[in-house]
Amino acid sequence: MPLYSNMSDAGTLKAIVSSKAKVMSCLDLGSWDGGDAIQMKQAFPEAVVTAVEGSPLRIEIVRENCNPNGIRVVQAVVTGDGGKPLVMEHSSIGDEPHCGTIKGFKDGAPFPKGWHKINSIDVVSTGIMELLDDVGDVDLLHMDVEGAEYDILNKLLPTPKKPLLISMEVCGAMWFNNCGNRGELLELLNKHGYSVLHDGVTDMVFVLG
C-alpha cells in the first residue's frame, strides 16, 4: 500500500525543492505513516530527518516505514507548552486507526468520507521547544498536527529557532475545536517574517524573509 504524503499531493514539496533552499534538517510533526518524512529524505538526501508521531496507535507504523530509510522516529504529542496530561481523540477509517487530535472533533464537522471516532487515549504532551532541544535546529518544518498548528507556532516563532521553511495543513479549524483558522495562521506567520511560497489550498508553504 503506498504511503501517504500530503506534501506531494498538495505540491508543497515540489515548491520547496524548486526554491533551491538549502535544507539540511527536516522535522515531520504528525507523521502518521512516515510518508512525508520519507519524501523529504528523498528530496534532501543529505538532510537529517526526524519523524514525530504522537499517537500510540500509529507509532509502530511510522517506525516500520522510517527506520529503514535512515529517519529518526520520536513518539511525542507536541504542543506549545508541554508536560500536560491530555486526552487524544482518535478516529479510524474502517478498522485502521486514522488521525488523533488533542483538540477534539467538532460536532457536525464535514469529515472526509469514511472517518469515524473510535476511542480516546490519555497522553502527556511535549513542548515544541523541548522537542527542538533534543532534535536541534530545523530548516524545514512540516506539520500535520490536527489543530495544534497555531499553539505550536505561537510558541516557536518568537524564538531564534524558527525554521527557514514551514509546510503545513491550514484547514484544521474545519474539523477540530479551539484551533487557529487559516486567516489566523497566516496573520501569525506574517507577523514573524514569513511569506507564502506556495498555496496548495489545504496545505501551504511559508518561507522566512
C-alpha atoms as a PDB file:
ATOM      1  CA  MET A   1       0.000   0.000   0.000  1.00  0.00           C
ATOM      2  CA  PRO A   2       1.521   3.395  -0.986  1.00  0.00           C
ATOM      3  CA  LEU A   3       2.486   5.695   1.863  1.00  0.00           C
ATOM      4  CA  TYR A   4       0.550   8.919   2.268  1.00  0.00           C
ATOM      5  CA  SER A   5       2.218  12.260   1.556  1.00  0.00           C
ATOM      6  CA  ASN A   6       0.152  15.423   1.633  1.00  0.00           C
ATOM      7  CA  MET A   7       3.334  17.334   0.766  1.00  0.00           C
ATOM      8  CA  SER A   8       3.333  15.590  -2.607  1.00  0.00           C
ATOM      9  CA  ASP A   9      -0.431  15.689  -3.069  1.00  0.00           C
ATOM     10  CA  ALA A  10      -0.615  19.446  -2.440  1.00  0.00           C
ATOM     11  CA  GLY A  11       2.530  20.244  -4.449  1.00  0.00           C
ATOM     12  CA  THR A  12       4.267  21.730  -1.429  1.00  0.00           C
ATOM     13  CA  LEU A  13       7.406  19.602  -1.590  1.00  0.00           C
ATOM     14  CA  LYS A  14       7.852  20.369  -5.280  1.00  0.00           C
ATOM     15  CA  ALA A  15       7.664  24.090  -4.473  1.00  0.00           C
ATOM     16  CA  ILE A  16      10.255  23.730  -1.723  1.00  0.00           C
ATOM     17  CA  VAL A  17      12.681  21.868  -3.990  1.00  0.00           C
ATOM     18  CA  SER A  18      12.145  24.415  -6.764  1.00  0.00           C
ATOM     19  CA  SER A  19      13.012  27.258  -4.382  1.00  0.00           C
ATOM     20  CA  LYS A  20      16.618  25.925  -4.187  1.00  0.00           C
ATOM     21  CA  ALA A  21      16.584  26.490  -0.428  1.00  0.00           C
ATOM     22  CA  LYS A  22      19.412  24.830   1.476  1.00  0.00           C
ATOM     23  CA  VAL A  23      17.743  22.187   3.637  1.00  0.00           C
ATOM     24  CA  MET A  24      19.979  20.170   5.942  1.00  0.00           C
ATOM     25  CA  SER A  25      17.489  19.271   8.655  1.00  0.00           C
ATOM     26  CA  CYS A  26      13.785  18.352   8.439  1.00  0.00           C
ATOM     27  CA  LEU A  27      11.176  17.771  11.100  1.00  0.00           C
ATOM     28  CA  ASP A  28       7.906  15.989  10.327  1.00  0.00           C
ATOM     29  CA  LEU A  29       5.325  16.612  13.070  1.00  0.00           C
ATOM     30  CA  GLY A  30       2.309  14.340  12.898  1.00  0.00           C
ATOM     31  CA  SER A  31       3.969  11.749  10.692  1.00  0.00           C
ATOM     32  CA  TRP A  32       1.009   9.305  10.502  1.00  0.00           C
ATOM     33  CA  ASP A  33       2.751   6.637   8.396  1.00  0.00           C
ATOM     34  CA  GLY A  34       6.111   8.294   7.680  1.00  0.00           C
ATOM     35  CA  GLY A  35       5.253   9.128   4.083  1.00  0.00           C
ATOM     36  CA  ASP A  36       6.120  12.820   4.264  1.00  0.00           C
ATOM     37  CA  ALA A  37       9.326  12.172   6.185  1.00  0.00           C
ATOM     38  CA  ILE A  38      10.426   9.680   3.517  1.00  0.00           C
ATOM     39  CA  GLN A  39       9.557  12.142   0.741  1.00  0.00           C
ATOM     40  CA  MET A  40      11.691  14.804   2.450  1.00  0.00           C
ATOM     41  CA  LYS A  41      14.596  12.371   2.838  1.00  0.00           C
ATOM     42  CA  GLN A  42      14.398  11.518  -0.860  1.00  0.00           C
ATOM     43  CA  ALA A  43      14.240  15.199  -1.837  1.00  0.00           C
ATOM     44  CA  PHE A  44      17.100  16.151   0.508  1.00  0.00           C
ATOM     45  CA  PRO A  45      19.232  13.002   0.910  1.00  0.00           C
ATOM     46  CA  GLU A  46      21.963  14.794   2.870  1.00  0.00           C
ATOM     47  CA  ALA A  47      19.498  16.182   5.405  1.00  0.00           C
ATOM     48  CA  VAL A  48      18.861  14.810   8.870  1.00  0.00           C
ATOM     49  CA  VAL A  49      15.149  13.924   9.004  1.00  0.00           C
ATOM     50  CA  THR A  50      13.163  13.308  12.172  1.00  0.00           C
ATOM     51  CA  ALA A  51       9.598  11.956  12.134  1.00  0.00           C
ATOM     52  CA  VAL A  52       7.434  12.673  15.178  1.00  0.00           C
ATOM     53  CA  GLU A  53       4.144  10.884  15.819  1.00  0.00           C
ATOM     54  CA  GLY A  54       2.030  11.312  18.936  1.00  0.00           C
ATOM     55  CA  SER A  55      -0.488   8.527  18.505  1.00  0.00           C
ATOM     56  CA  PRO A  56       0.297   5.257  20.291  1.00  0.00           C
ATOM     57  CA  LEU A  57      -1.857   3.599  17.621  1.00  0.00           C
ATOM     58  CA  ARG A  58       0.296   4.873  14.740  1.00  0.00           C
ATOM     59  CA  ILE A  59       3.856   4.996  16.091  1.00  0.00           C
ATOM     60  CA  GLU A  60       4.883   1.440  15.185  1.00  0.00           C
ATOM     61  CA  ILE A  61       3.760   2.007  11.594  1.00  0.00           C
ATOM     62  CA  VAL A  62       5.967   5.115  11.437  1.00  0.00           C
ATOM     63  CA  ARG A  63       8.943   3.232  12.866  1.00  0.00           C
ATOM     64  CA  GLU A  64       8.480   0.339  10.455  1.00  0.00           C
ATOM     65  CA  ASN A  65       8.478   2.674   7.445  1.00  0.00           C
ATOM     66  CA  CYS A  66      11.024   5.279   8.538  1.00  0.00           C
ATOM     67  CA  ASN A  67      13.793   3.353  10.273  1.00  0.00           C
ATOM     68  CA  PRO A  68      14.946   1.501   7.108  1.00  0.00           C
ATOM     69  CA  ASN A  69      15.191   4.887   5.379  1.00  0.00           C
ATOM     70  CA  GLY A  70      17.604   6.357   7.920  1.00  0.00           C
ATOM     71  CA  ILE A  71      14.957   8.565   9.542  1.00  0.00           C
ATOM     72  CA  ARG A  72      14.877   9.032  13.290  1.00  0.00           C
ATOM     73  CA  VAL A  73      11.464   8.423  14.860  1.00  0.00           C
ATOM     74  CA  VAL A  74      10.228  10.059  18.065  1.00  0.00           C
ATOM     75  CA  GLN A  75       6.916   9.455  19.805  1.00  0.00           C
ATOM     76  CA  ALA A  76       5.639  12.777  21.183  1.00  0.00           C
ATOM     77  CA  VAL A  77       2.357  14.672  21.347  1.00  0.00           C
ATOM     78  CA  VAL A  78       3.720  18.123  20.528  1.00  0.00           C
ATOM     79  CA  THR A  79       2.079  21.321  21.786  1.00  0.00           C
ATOM     80  CA  GLY A  80       3.136  24.868  22.568  1.00  0.00           C
ATOM     81  CA  ASP A  81       3.660  24.198  26.267  1.00  0.00           C
ATOM     82  CA  GLY A  82       4.395  20.599  27.155  1.00  0.00           C
ATOM     83  CA  GLY A  83       4.253  18.399  30.199  1.00  0.00           C
ATOM     84  CA  LYS A  84       0.460  18.433  30.457  1.00  0.00           C
ATOM     85  CA  PRO A  85      -1.740  15.328  30.593  1.00  0.00           C
ATOM     86  CA  LEU A  86      -4.194  15.464  27.703  1.00  0.00           C
ATOM     87  CA  VAL A  87      -6.804  13.330  26.005  1.00  0.00           C
ATOM     88  CA  MET A  88      -6.254  12.396  22.371  1.00  0.00           C
ATOM     89  CA  GLU A  89      -9.453  11.640  20.496  1.00  0.00           C
ATOM     90  CA  HIS A  90      -8.827   9.121  17.755  1.00  0.00           C
ATOM     91  CA  SER A  91     -10.633   8.475  14.507  1.00  0.00           C
ATOM     92  CA  SER A  92     -10.490   5.489  12.204  1.00  0.00           C
ATOM     93  CA  ILE A  93     -11.253   4.584   8.619  1.00  0.00           C
ATOM     94  CA  GLY A  94     -12.703   1.104   8.606  1.00  0.00           C
ATOM     95  CA  ASP A  95     -10.594  -0.873  11.086  1.00  0.00           C
ATOM     96  CA  GLU A  96      -7.444   1.248  10.658  1.00  0.00           C
ATOM     97  CA  PRO A  97      -6.570   3.891  13.272  1.00  0.00           C
ATOM     98  CA  HIS A  98      -6.534   7.231  11.473  1.00  0.00           C
ATOM     99  CA  CYS A  99      -5.843  10.684  12.906  1.00  0.00           C
ATOM    100  CA  GLY A 100      -5.600  11.565  16.588  1.00  0.00           C
ATOM    101  CA  THR A 101      -6.300  15.071  17.859  1.00  0.00           C
ATOM    102  CA  ILE A 102      -5.858  16.717  21.249  1.00  0.00           C
ATOM    103  CA  LYS A 103      -8.315  19.422  20.190  1.00  0.00           C
ATOM    104  CA  GLY A 104     -11.342  17.165  19.938  1.00  0.00           C
ATOM    105  CA  PHE A 105     -13.559  16.646  16.911  1.00  0.00           C
ATOM    106  CA  LYS A 106     -16.119  19.334  16.149  1.00  0.00           C
ATOM    107  CA  ASP A 107     -19.724  18.273  16.431  1.00  0.00           C
ATOM    108  CA  GLY A 108     -21.266  18.213  12.973  1.00  0.00           C
ATOM    109  CA  ALA A 109     -17.944  18.800  11.198  1.00  0.00           C
ATOM    110  CA  PRO A 110     -17.798  17.813   7.496  1.00  0.00           C
ATOM    111  CA  PHE A 111     -15.363  14.942   7.998  1.00  0.00           C
ATOM    112  CA  PRO A 112     -13.797  13.276   4.963  1.00  0.00           C
ATOM    113  CA  LYS A 113     -15.688  10.210   3.808  1.00  0.00           C
ATOM    114  CA  GLY A 114     -15.147   7.166   5.974  1.00  0.00           C
ATOM    115  CA  TRP A 115     -13.916   8.849   9.159  1.00  0.00           C
ATOM    116  CA  HIS A 116     -15.440   7.806  12.440  1.00  0.00           C
ATOM    117  CA  LYS A 117     -14.342   8.170  16.047  1.00  0.00           C
ATOM    118  CA  ILE A 118     -13.180   5.044  17.827  1.00  0.00           C
ATOM    119  CA  ASN A 119     -11.801   5.958  21.238  1.00  0.00           C
ATOM    120  CA  SER A 120      -9.958   8.391  23.494  1.00  0.00           C
ATOM    121  CA  ILE A 121      -6.406   7.908  24.752  1.00  0.00           C
ATOM    122  CA  ASP A 122      -4.636   9.532  27.715  1.00  0.00           C
ATOM    123  CA  VAL A 123      -1.336  11.148  26.633  1.00  0.00           C
ATOM    124  CA  VAL A 124       1.255  13.571  28.009  1.00  0.00           C
ATOM    125  CA  SER A 125       2.360  16.452  25.811  1.00  0.00           C
ATOM    126  CA  THR A 126       5.857  17.603  24.867  1.00  0.00           C
ATOM    127  CA  GLY A 127       6.507  21.310  24.251  1.00  0.00           C
ATOM    128  CA  ILE A 128       7.872  22.288  20.842  1.00  0.00           C
ATOM    129  CA  MET A 129      10.906  23.963  22.426  1.00  0.00           C
ATOM    130  CA  GLU A 130      11.671  20.835  24.475  1.00  0.00           C
ATOM    131  CA  LEU A 131      11.498  18.800  21.284  1.00  0.00           C
ATOM    132  CA  LEU A 132      13.868  21.160  19.470  1.00  0.00           C
ATOM    133  CA  ASP A 133      16.317  20.989  22.371  1.00  0.00           C
ATOM    134  CA  ASP A 134      16.506  17.279  21.543  1.00  0.00           C
ATOM    135  CA  VAL A 135      16.264  17.442  17.736  1.00  0.00           C
ATOM    136  CA  GLY A 136      18.326  20.578  17.147  1.00  0.00           C
ATOM    137  CA  ASP A 137      17.791  23.406  14.681  1.00  0.00           C
ATOM    138  CA  VAL A 138      15.399  22.709  11.808  1.00  0.00           C
ATOM    139  CA  ASP A 139      15.472  24.154   8.278  1.00  0.00           C
ATOM    140  CA  LEU A 140      12.204  22.587   7.071  1.00  0.00           C
ATOM    141  CA  LEU A 141       9.284  22.012   9.418  1.00  0.00           C
ATOM    142  CA  HIS A 142       6.295  20.037   8.175  1.00  0.00           C
ATOM    143  CA  MET A 143       3.188  19.895  10.371  1.00  0.00           C
ATOM    144  CA  ASP A 144       0.021  17.838  10.112  1.00  0.00           C
ATOM    145  CA  VAL A 145      -0.962  18.053  13.759  1.00  0.00           C
ATOM    146  CA  GLU A 146      -4.755  18.090  13.604  1.00  0.00           C
ATOM    147  CA  GLY A 147      -5.485  21.531  15.010  1.00  0.00           C
ATOM    148  CA  ALA A 148      -2.382  22.134  17.169  1.00  0.00           C
ATOM    149  CA  GLU A 149      -0.591  24.210  14.495  1.00  0.00           C
ATOM    150  CA  TYR A 150      -1.338  27.637  15.960  1.00  0.00           C
ATOM    151  CA  ASP A 151      -0.329  26.695  19.514  1.00  0.00           C
ATOM    152  CA  ILE A 152       2.998  25.281  18.295  1.00  0.00           C
ATOM    153  CA  LEU A 153       3.810  28.222  16.036  1.00  0.00           C
ATOM    154  CA  ASN A 154       2.815  30.804  18.646  1.00  0.00           C
ATOM    155  CA  LYS A 155       5.467  29.338  20.941  1.00  0.00           C
ATOM    156  CA  LEU A 156       8.132  28.664  18.301  1.00  0.00           C
ATOM    157  CA  LEU A 157       8.109  31.734  16.066  1.00  0.00           C
ATOM    158  CA  PRO A 158       9.176  34.364  18.623  1.00  0.00           C
ATOM    159  CA  THR A 159      12.395  32.383  19.232  1.00  0.00           C
ATOM    160  CA  PRO A 160      15.717  32.152  17.335  1.00  0.00           C
ATOM    161  CA  LYS A 161      14.878  28.517  16.490  1.00  0.00           C
ATOM    162  CA  LYS A 162      12.208  29.329  13.917  1.00  0.00           C
ATOM    163  CA  PRO A 163      12.823  27.374  10.695  1.00  0.00           C
ATOM    164  CA  LEU A 164      13.528  28.731   7.234  1.00  0.00           C
ATOM    165  CA  LEU A 165      10.566  26.870   5.721  1.00  0.00           C
ATOM    166  CA  ILE A 166       7.235  25.749   7.172  1.00  0.00           C
ATOM    167  CA  SER A 167       4.881  23.426   5.310  1.00  0.00           C
ATOM    168  CA  MET A 168       1.563  22.675   6.973  1.00  0.00           C
ATOM    169  CA  GLU A 169      -2.100  21.891   6.756  1.00  0.00           C
ATOM    170  CA  VAL A 170      -4.210  25.056   7.144  1.00  0.00           C
ATOM    171  CA  CYS A 171      -7.728  23.582   7.234  1.00  0.00           C
ATOM    172  CA  GLY A 172      -7.793  22.019  10.704  1.00  0.00           C
ATOM    173  CA  ALA A 173     -10.336  24.521  12.033  1.00  0.00           C
ATOM    174  CA  MET A 174     -12.932  22.802   9.816  1.00  0.00           C
ATOM    175  CA  TRP A 175     -12.743  19.645  11.917  1.00  0.00           C
ATOM    176  CA  PHE A 176     -11.217  20.382  15.320  1.00  0.00           C
ATOM    177  CA  ASN A 177     -12.092  22.541  18.319  1.00  0.00           C
ATOM    178  CA  ASN A 178     -10.275  25.659  19.541  1.00  0.00           C
ATOM    179  CA  CYS A 179      -7.630  25.862  16.839  1.00  0.00           C
ATOM    180  CA  GLY A 180      -6.384  28.666  14.630  1.00  0.00           C
ATOM    181  CA  ASN A 181      -8.151  29.043  11.309  1.00  0.00           C
ATOM    182  CA  ARG A 182      -6.433  29.760   8.006  1.00  0.00           C
ATOM    183  CA  GLY A 183      -6.589  33.536   8.466  1.00  0.00           C
ATOM    184  CA  GLU A 184      -5.195  33.422  11.996  1.00  0.00           C
ATOM    185  CA  LEU A 185      -2.346  31.154  10.922  1.00  0.00           C
ATOM    186  CA  LEU A 186      -1.416  33.458   8.037  1.00  0.00           C
ATOM    187  CA  GLU A 187      -1.531  36.510  10.296  1.00  0.00           C
ATOM    188  CA  LEU A 188       0.756  34.864  12.854  1.00  0.00           C
ATOM    189  CA  LEU A 189       3.280  33.776  10.227  1.00  0.00           C
ATOM    190  CA  ASN A 190       3.283  37.190   8.556  1.00  0.00           C
ATOM    191  CA  LYS A 191       3.859  38.861  11.927  1.00  0.00           C
ATOM    192  CA  HIS A 192       7.038  36.826  12.372  1.00  0.00           C
ATOM    193  CA  GLY A 193       8.507  37.490   8.936  1.00  0.00           C
ATOM    194  CA  TYR A 194       7.144  34.655   6.775  1.00  0.00           C
ATOM    195  CA  SER A 195       5.673  34.969   3.299  1.00  0.00           C
ATOM    196  CA  VAL A 196       3.777  32.456   1.172  1.00  0.00           C
ATOM    197  CA  LEU A 197       5.990  30.332  -1.062  1.00  0.00           C
ATOM    198  CA  HIS A 198       3.224  28.012  -2.250  1.00  0.00           C
ATOM    199  CA  ASP A 199      -0.533  27.879  -1.722  1.00  0.00           C
ATOM    200  CA  GLY A 200      -1.910  24.374  -2.139  1.00  0.00           C
ATOM    201  CA  VAL A 201      -5.286  25.457  -0.715  1.00  0.00           C
ATOM    202  CA  THR A 202      -5.455  22.916   2.119  1.00  0.00           C
ATOM    203  CA  ASP A 203      -1.673  22.863   2.578  1.00  0.00           C
ATOM    204  CA  MET A 204       0.736  25.792   2.275  1.00  0.00           C
ATOM    205  CA  VAL A 205       4.467  26.553   2.404  1.00  0.00           C
ATOM    206  CA  PHE A 206       5.886  29.632   4.089  1.00  0.00           C
ATOM    207  CA  VAL A 207       9.428  30.969   3.794  1.00  0.00           C
ATOM    208  CA  LEU A 208      11.233  33.226   6.250  1.00  0.00           C
ATOM    209  CA  GLY A 209      12.346  36.561   4.874  1.00  0.00           C
END
